[in-house]
Amino acid sequence: MKLVKRMERIGTESAFEVLAKAQALEKQGKSIIHLEIGAPDFPTPKHIVEAGKKALDDGFTKYGPTAGLLEFREAIAAHVSKTRAINVGPDNVCVVPGGKPIMFFVMMALLEEGDEVIYPDPSFPIYESVISFLGAVPKPVPLIENRGFSFDLNVLKDQLSSKTKLVILNSPANPTGGVISKDDLRQIAGMLRDRDLTILSDEIYCRIFYEQEPSSITAFDGIVEKTVILDGFSKTYSMTGWRLGFGVMPQKLADAVNLLMVNSNSCTATFTQKAGLAALQGPQDDVTRMVTEFRKRRDVIV
């Protein structure tokens, strides 16, 4: 059996490798403090768990629509429209099992071999992994500590070319926690607005911030039409194992993502979507308490 050449270009998420080693040590009776995997050490809020259980009891154990349950997509569209001050509908929403499929499917739908992709450095390792796997060209732009781990905008501008097809933003960022300021986003929007490219705005940590509230680049004129917002439930609601994420994007791209979704996963589990609906529409006290505790821990470490 011979693997295809492109398998040599795909990377991994090393945090999962370290997690496996840590769990093996735990089985030996050792006490481990987990700093490797991006999983909140809080239980999923009780009302979300109960909604998932009720969904199972109510028969949500079968296939659902590839794009996601309509009720759920409507709730996501309303939530994103309100929190980002934009106007999107359920046809712009793709529900997927976790955030990574949005990265993978969007890049598969947009990138040809040789296309260039700008992304932050350091960053979530799957960005570079998928870019390279698809034969596109990774173009890392350093994050600058004295700019709050935002881009050097001059370096970003210099990296843009006619071959740039995708620009990845991640704010608040993994792994730095840095937030791209609203002024920086305004300038980035000005650089990208009239270019033939797409923006992937990874906003999975949008509810976990401390001093500086993050903004979305979609707030600026002419940007939402060329942007994919990636978000989900793993971090905000401590639902990492539920595998529930979504993308909000122009409908043409949503149709392509749904086509890739039906060819790979068929659909996202329906009972997890009912739990996600309870997360969005239910009380947010647990989120506030979790972020408050994270802030205390951050202050101790600093």
Protein backbone atom coordinates (compact mmCIF):
# COMPACT_ATOMS: atom_id res chain seq x y z
CA MET A 1 0.00 0.00 0.00
CA LYS A 2 1.49 3.32 -1.09
CA LEU A 3 0.15 6.61 0.23
CA VAL A 4 -0.18 9.52 -2.17
CA LYS A 5 2.53 12.18 -2.17
CA ARG A 6 0.31 14.87 -0.66
CA MET A 7 0.09 12.88 2.59
CA GLU A 8 3.69 13.93 3.20
CA ARG A 9 2.51 17.55 3.30
CA ILE A 10 -0.24 17.21 5.89
CA GLY A 11 0.62 18.11 9.46
CA THR A 12 -1.01 17.37 12.79
CA GLU A 13 -2.21 19.09 15.93
CA SER A 14 0.57 18.27 18.37
CA ALA A 15 -1.62 19.15 21.37
CA PHE A 16 -3.55 15.91 20.76
CA GLU A 17 -0.31 13.93 20.71
CA VAL A 18 0.75 15.44 24.05
CA LEU A 19 -2.77 14.84 25.43
CA ALA A 20 -2.51 11.14 24.60
CA LYS A 21 0.80 10.94 26.47
CA ALA A 22 -0.67 12.82 29.43
CA GLN A 23 -3.67 10.52 29.57
CA ALA A 24 -1.37 7.49 29.49
CA LEU A 25 0.45 8.91 32.51
CA GLU A 26 -2.89 9.45 34.27
CA LYS A 27 -3.69 5.76 33.76
CA GLN A 28 -0.48 5.04 35.66
CA GLY A 29 -1.88 7.01 38.59
CA LYS A 30 0.07 10.21 38.02
CA SER A 31 -1.55 13.60 38.64
CA ILE A 32 -1.48 15.76 35.51
CA ILE A 33 -2.24 19.46 35.00
CA HIS A 34 -3.45 19.73 31.40
CA LEU A 35 -1.97 22.71 29.60
CA GLU A 36 -1.79 21.04 26.19
CA ILE A 37 -5.28 20.88 24.73
CA GLY A 38 -7.57 23.88 24.21
CA ALA A 39 -10.41 22.46 26.27
CA PRO A 40 -12.02 24.44 29.11
CA ASP A 41 -11.80 22.44 32.35
CA PHE A 42 -15.44 23.18 33.16
CA PRO A 43 -18.43 20.89 32.65
CA THR A 44 -20.83 21.62 29.84
CA PRO A 45 -23.59 23.76 31.41
CA LYS A 46 -26.37 21.60 32.83
CA HIS A 47 -29.20 23.05 30.72
CA ILE A 48 -27.26 22.24 27.55
CA VAL A 49 -26.66 18.65 28.65
CA GLU A 50 -30.34 18.29 29.54
CA ALA A 51 -31.32 19.60 26.09
CA GLY A 52 -29.08 16.98 24.50
CA LYS A 53 -30.62 14.22 26.62
CA LYS A 54 -34.13 15.40 25.80
CA ALA A 55 -33.28 15.44 22.09
CA LEU A 56 -32.20 11.81 22.31
CA ASP A 57 -35.41 10.92 24.15
CA ASP A 58 -37.41 12.84 21.53
CA GLY A 59 -35.93 10.79 18.70
CA PHE A 60 -33.25 13.10 17.32
CA THR A 61 -31.08 10.10 16.50
CA LYS A 62 -31.48 10.02 12.70
CA TYR A 63 -30.06 11.88 9.72
CA GLY A 64 -30.69 15.59 9.52
CA PRO A 65 -30.24 18.15 6.74
CA THR A 66 -26.64 18.42 5.54
CA ALA A 67 -26.53 22.18 6.19
CA GLY A 68 -27.98 21.75 9.68
CA LEU A 69 -31.44 21.89 11.23
CA LEU A 70 -33.30 24.93 9.92
CA GLU A 71 -34.32 26.05 13.42
CA PHE A 72 -30.68 25.90 14.50
CA ARG A 73 -29.39 27.75 11.43
CA GLU A 74 -31.99 30.45 11.96
CA ALA A 75 -30.85 30.85 15.57
CA ILE A 76 -27.19 31.02 14.52
CA ALA A 77 -27.96 33.57 11.81
CA ALA A 78 -29.88 35.73 14.32
CA HIS A 79 -27.05 35.42 16.86
CA VAL A 80 -24.32 36.32 14.36
CA SER A 81 -26.37 39.17 12.90
CA LYS A 82 -26.85 40.65 16.37
CA THR A 83 -23.32 40.14 17.71
CA ARG A 84 -21.50 41.27 14.54
CA ALA A 85 -24.02 43.95 13.50
CA ILE A 86 -24.43 42.39 10.05
CA ASN A 87 -27.34 40.87 8.16
CA VAL A 88 -27.08 37.14 7.43
CA GLY A 89 -29.71 34.44 7.05
CA PRO A 90 -29.94 30.66 7.53
CA ASP A 91 -28.79 30.02 3.94
CA ASN A 92 -25.45 31.60 4.88
CA VAL A 93 -24.95 29.13 7.74
CA CYS A 94 -23.22 25.74 7.48
CA VAL A 95 -23.37 23.54 10.59
CA VAL A 96 -20.46 21.11 10.85
CA PRO A 97 -18.97 18.71 13.43
CA GLY A 98 -16.47 21.13 15.01
CA GLY A 99 -14.62 24.15 13.68
CA LYS A 100 -11.98 22.32 11.63
CA PRO A 101 -14.32 21.21 8.81
CA ILE A 102 -15.00 24.87 8.03
CA MET A 103 -11.25 25.44 7.61
CA PHE A 104 -10.87 22.30 5.51
CA PHE A 105 -13.95 22.66 3.31
CA VAL A 106 -13.51 26.38 2.68
CA MET A 107 -9.90 25.87 1.60
CA MET A 108 -10.82 22.87 -0.55
CA ALA A 109 -13.51 24.93 -2.28
CA LEU A 110 -11.32 28.00 -2.88
CA LEU A 111 -7.68 27.01 -3.37
CA GLU A 112 -5.88 25.79 -6.47
CA GLU A 113 -2.29 24.54 -6.36
CA GLY A 114 0.08 27.51 -6.21
CA ASP A 115 -2.45 29.92 -4.69
CA GLU A 116 -1.07 31.86 -1.74
CA VAL A 117 -2.64 31.94 1.72
CA ILE A 118 -1.69 34.53 4.34
CA TYR A 119 -2.06 33.42 7.94
CA PRO A 120 -0.78 34.53 11.38
CA ASP A 121 2.43 33.14 12.87
CA PRO A 122 2.28 31.63 15.47
CA SER A 123 -1.18 30.20 14.94
CA PHE A 124 -3.42 27.15 15.09
CA PRO A 125 -1.36 24.45 13.31
CA ILE A 126 -4.20 23.18 11.14
CA TYR A 127 -4.13 26.36 9.02
CA GLU A 128 -0.68 25.61 7.62
CA SER A 129 -1.39 21.88 7.50
CA VAL A 130 -4.41 22.21 5.20
CA ILE A 131 -2.81 24.92 3.06
CA SER A 132 0.18 22.70 2.35
CA PHE A 133 -1.92 19.55 1.92
CA LEU A 134 -3.90 21.22 -0.87
CA GLY A 135 -0.74 22.34 -2.67
CA ALA A 136 -1.26 26.02 -1.92
CA VAL A 137 1.58 28.23 -0.67
CA PRO A 138 1.66 29.18 3.05
CA LYS A 139 2.59 32.83 3.63
CA PRO A 140 3.00 33.36 7.39
CA VAL A 141 2.87 36.91 8.77
CA PRO A 142 4.51 37.32 12.19
CA LEU A 143 2.45 38.48 15.16
CA ILE A 144 4.22 41.29 17.02
CA GLU A 145 4.27 41.20 20.83
CA ASN A 146 4.50 44.98 21.30
CA ARG A 147 1.43 45.37 19.07
CA GLY A 148 -0.63 43.12 21.33
CA PHE A 149 0.21 40.16 19.10
CA SER A 150 -1.42 41.77 16.08
CA PHE A 151 0.14 41.93 12.61
CA ASP A 152 2.79 44.36 11.48
CA LEU A 153 0.49 45.92 8.90
CA ASN A 154 3.38 46.85 6.60
CA VAL A 155 4.54 43.21 6.48
CA LEU A 156 0.96 42.11 5.82
CA LYS A 157 0.65 44.58 2.96
CA ASP A 158 3.97 43.42 1.46
CA GLN A 159 2.84 39.78 1.55
CA LEU A 160 -0.29 40.48 -0.51
CA SER A 161 0.02 39.63 -4.18
CA SER A 162 -2.08 38.71 -7.19
CA LYS A 163 -1.71 35.08 -6.08
CA THR A 164 -3.24 35.71 -2.63
CA LYS A 165 -6.56 33.87 -2.55
CA LEU A 166 -7.20 33.58 1.19
CA VAL A 167 -6.29 35.64 4.26
CA ILE A 168 -6.80 33.98 7.65
CA LEU A 169 -7.49 36.13 10.71
CA ASN A 170 -7.80 34.74 14.24
CA SER A 171 -8.88 37.13 16.98
CA PRO A 172 -8.77 36.41 19.90
CA ALA A 173 -5.86 34.31 18.76
CA ASN A 174 -4.66 30.80 19.43
CA PRO A 175 -2.03 30.50 20.94
CA THR A 176 -1.21 34.10 21.93
CA GLY A 177 -4.62 35.30 23.15
CA GLY A 178 -3.96 38.52 21.24
CA VAL A 179 -6.85 40.62 19.96
CA ILE A 180 -6.58 42.53 16.67
CA SER A 181 -7.61 46.10 17.45
CA LYS A 182 -10.56 47.68 15.68
CA ASP A 183 -8.25 50.21 14.06
CA ASP A 184 -6.02 47.43 12.72
CA LEU A 185 -9.07 45.60 11.39
CA ARG A 186 -10.19 48.80 9.66
CA GLN A 187 -6.82 49.09 7.94
CA ILE A 188 -6.79 45.40 7.02
CA ALA A 189 -10.27 45.77 5.56
CA GLY A 190 -8.98 48.64 3.45
CA MET A 191 -6.15 46.47 2.12
CA LEU A 192 -8.43 43.54 1.25
CA ARG A 193 -11.72 45.11 0.18
CA ASP A 194 -10.94 45.46 -3.52
CA ARG A 195 -8.83 42.35 -3.94
CA ASP A 196 -10.00 39.08 -5.48
CA LEU A 197 -9.67 37.00 -2.33
CA THR A 198 -11.60 35.55 0.60
CA ILE A 199 -11.12 36.19 4.31
CA LEU A 200 -11.42 33.37 6.84
CA SER A 201 -12.12 35.03 10.18
CA ASP A 202 -11.64 32.43 12.92
CA GLU A 203 -13.69 33.82 15.82
CA ILE A 204 -13.98 30.65 17.91
CA TYR A 205 -12.67 32.49 21.02
CA CYS A 206 -14.88 35.57 20.56
CA ARG A 207 -16.48 35.23 24.01
CA ILE A 208 -13.23 34.54 25.88
CA PHE A 209 -11.48 37.87 26.32
CA TYR A 210 -10.33 40.10 29.15
CA GLU A 211 -9.47 43.81 28.72
CA GLN A 212 -10.07 44.28 25.00
CA GLU A 213 -13.36 43.16 23.48
CA PRO A 214 -12.73 41.66 20.02
CA SER A 215 -14.32 43.01 16.86
CA SER A 216 -15.11 41.20 13.63
CA ILE A 217 -13.72 42.42 10.32
CA THR A 218 -17.23 41.94 8.91
CA ALA A 219 -18.19 45.20 10.63
CA PHE A 220 -16.56 47.17 7.80
CA ASP A 221 -18.19 48.02 4.48
CA GLY A 222 -17.63 45.65 1.59
CA ILE A 223 -16.15 42.87 3.74
CA VAL A 224 -18.99 40.58 4.79
CA GLU A 225 -19.52 39.66 1.12
CA LYS A 226 -16.07 38.09 0.98
CA THR A 227 -15.70 36.70 4.50
CA VAL A 228 -16.23 33.35 6.21
CA ILE A 229 -16.89 33.62 9.95
CA LEU A 230 -15.80 30.48 11.79
CA ASP A 231 -17.33 29.96 15.23
CA GLY A 232 -18.66 27.13 17.36
CA PHE A 233 -19.55 25.79 20.77
CA SER A 234 -16.40 24.02 21.99
CA LYS A 235 -14.76 26.93 23.77
CA THR A 236 -17.59 29.26 24.81
CA TYR A 237 -19.83 26.52 26.18
CA SER A 238 -17.19 23.92 27.11
CA MET A 239 -18.59 21.50 24.51
CA THR A 240 -15.37 20.21 22.97
CA GLY A 241 -16.53 16.60 22.82
CA TRP A 242 -19.90 17.44 21.31
CA ARG A 243 -18.21 18.38 18.01
CA LEU A 244 -20.38 21.30 17.00
CA GLY A 245 -19.26 24.26 14.93
CA PHE A 246 -20.49 26.49 12.15
CA GLY A 247 -19.44 28.80 9.37
CA VAL A 248 -21.25 31.88 8.11
CA MET A 249 -20.41 32.78 4.53
CA PRO A 250 -21.74 33.95 1.14
CA GLN A 251 -24.37 31.54 -0.14
CA LYS A 252 -22.35 30.43 -3.18
CA LEU A 253 -19.56 29.26 -0.91
CA ALA A 254 -22.07 27.78 1.57
CA ASP A 255 -23.47 25.63 -1.25
CA ALA A 256 -19.97 24.35 -2.00
CA VAL A 257 -19.22 23.65 1.67
CA ASN A 258 -22.49 21.75 2.01
CA LEU A 259 -21.58 19.69 -1.05
CA LEU A 260 -18.27 18.74 0.57
CA MET A 261 -20.11 18.06 3.81
CA VAL A 262 -22.59 15.65 2.22
CA ASN A 263 -19.72 13.81 0.55
CA SER A 264 -17.85 13.35 3.83
CA ASN A 265 -20.02 13.54 6.95
CA SER A 266 -23.58 13.53 5.54
CA CYS A 267 -24.73 15.73 8.42
CA THR A 268 -23.92 16.88 11.94
CA ALA A 269 -25.55 14.85 14.73
CA THR A 270 -29.02 16.26 15.27
CA PHE A 271 -29.13 15.87 19.06
CA THR A 272 -25.95 17.94 19.42
CA GLN A 273 -27.61 20.66 17.35
CA LYS A 274 -30.55 20.72 19.76
CA ALA A 275 -28.04 21.12 22.59
CA GLY A 276 -26.39 23.95 20.66
CA LEU A 277 -29.76 25.64 20.26
CA ALA A 278 -30.18 25.54 24.05
CA ALA A 279 -26.69 26.99 24.42
CA LEU A 280 -27.45 29.96 22.19
CA GLN A 281 -30.93 30.68 23.50
CA GLY A 282 -30.49 29.74 27.17
CA PRO A 283 -28.85 31.52 30.12
CA GLN A 284 -25.27 32.72 29.61
CA ASP A 285 -24.29 32.79 33.30
CA ASP A 286 -21.97 29.79 32.96
CA VAL A 287 -20.02 31.52 30.19
CA THR A 288 -19.55 34.59 32.35
CA ARG A 289 -18.41 32.51 35.34
CA MET A 290 -15.94 30.55 33.22
CA VAL A 291 -14.36 33.64 31.66
CA THR A 292 -14.15 35.29 35.10
CA GLU A 293 -12.25 32.28 36.42
CA PHE A 294 -9.96 32.27 33.38
CA ARG A 295 -9.22 35.94 34.05
CA LYS A 296 -8.27 35.19 37.67
CA ARG A 297 -5.93 32.42 36.55
CA ARG A 298 -4.39 34.66 33.90
CA ASP A 299 -3.75 37.35 36.51
CA VAL A 300 -2.04 34.83 38.81
CA ILE A 301 0.23 33.59 36.02
CA VAL A 302 1.12 37.11 34.85
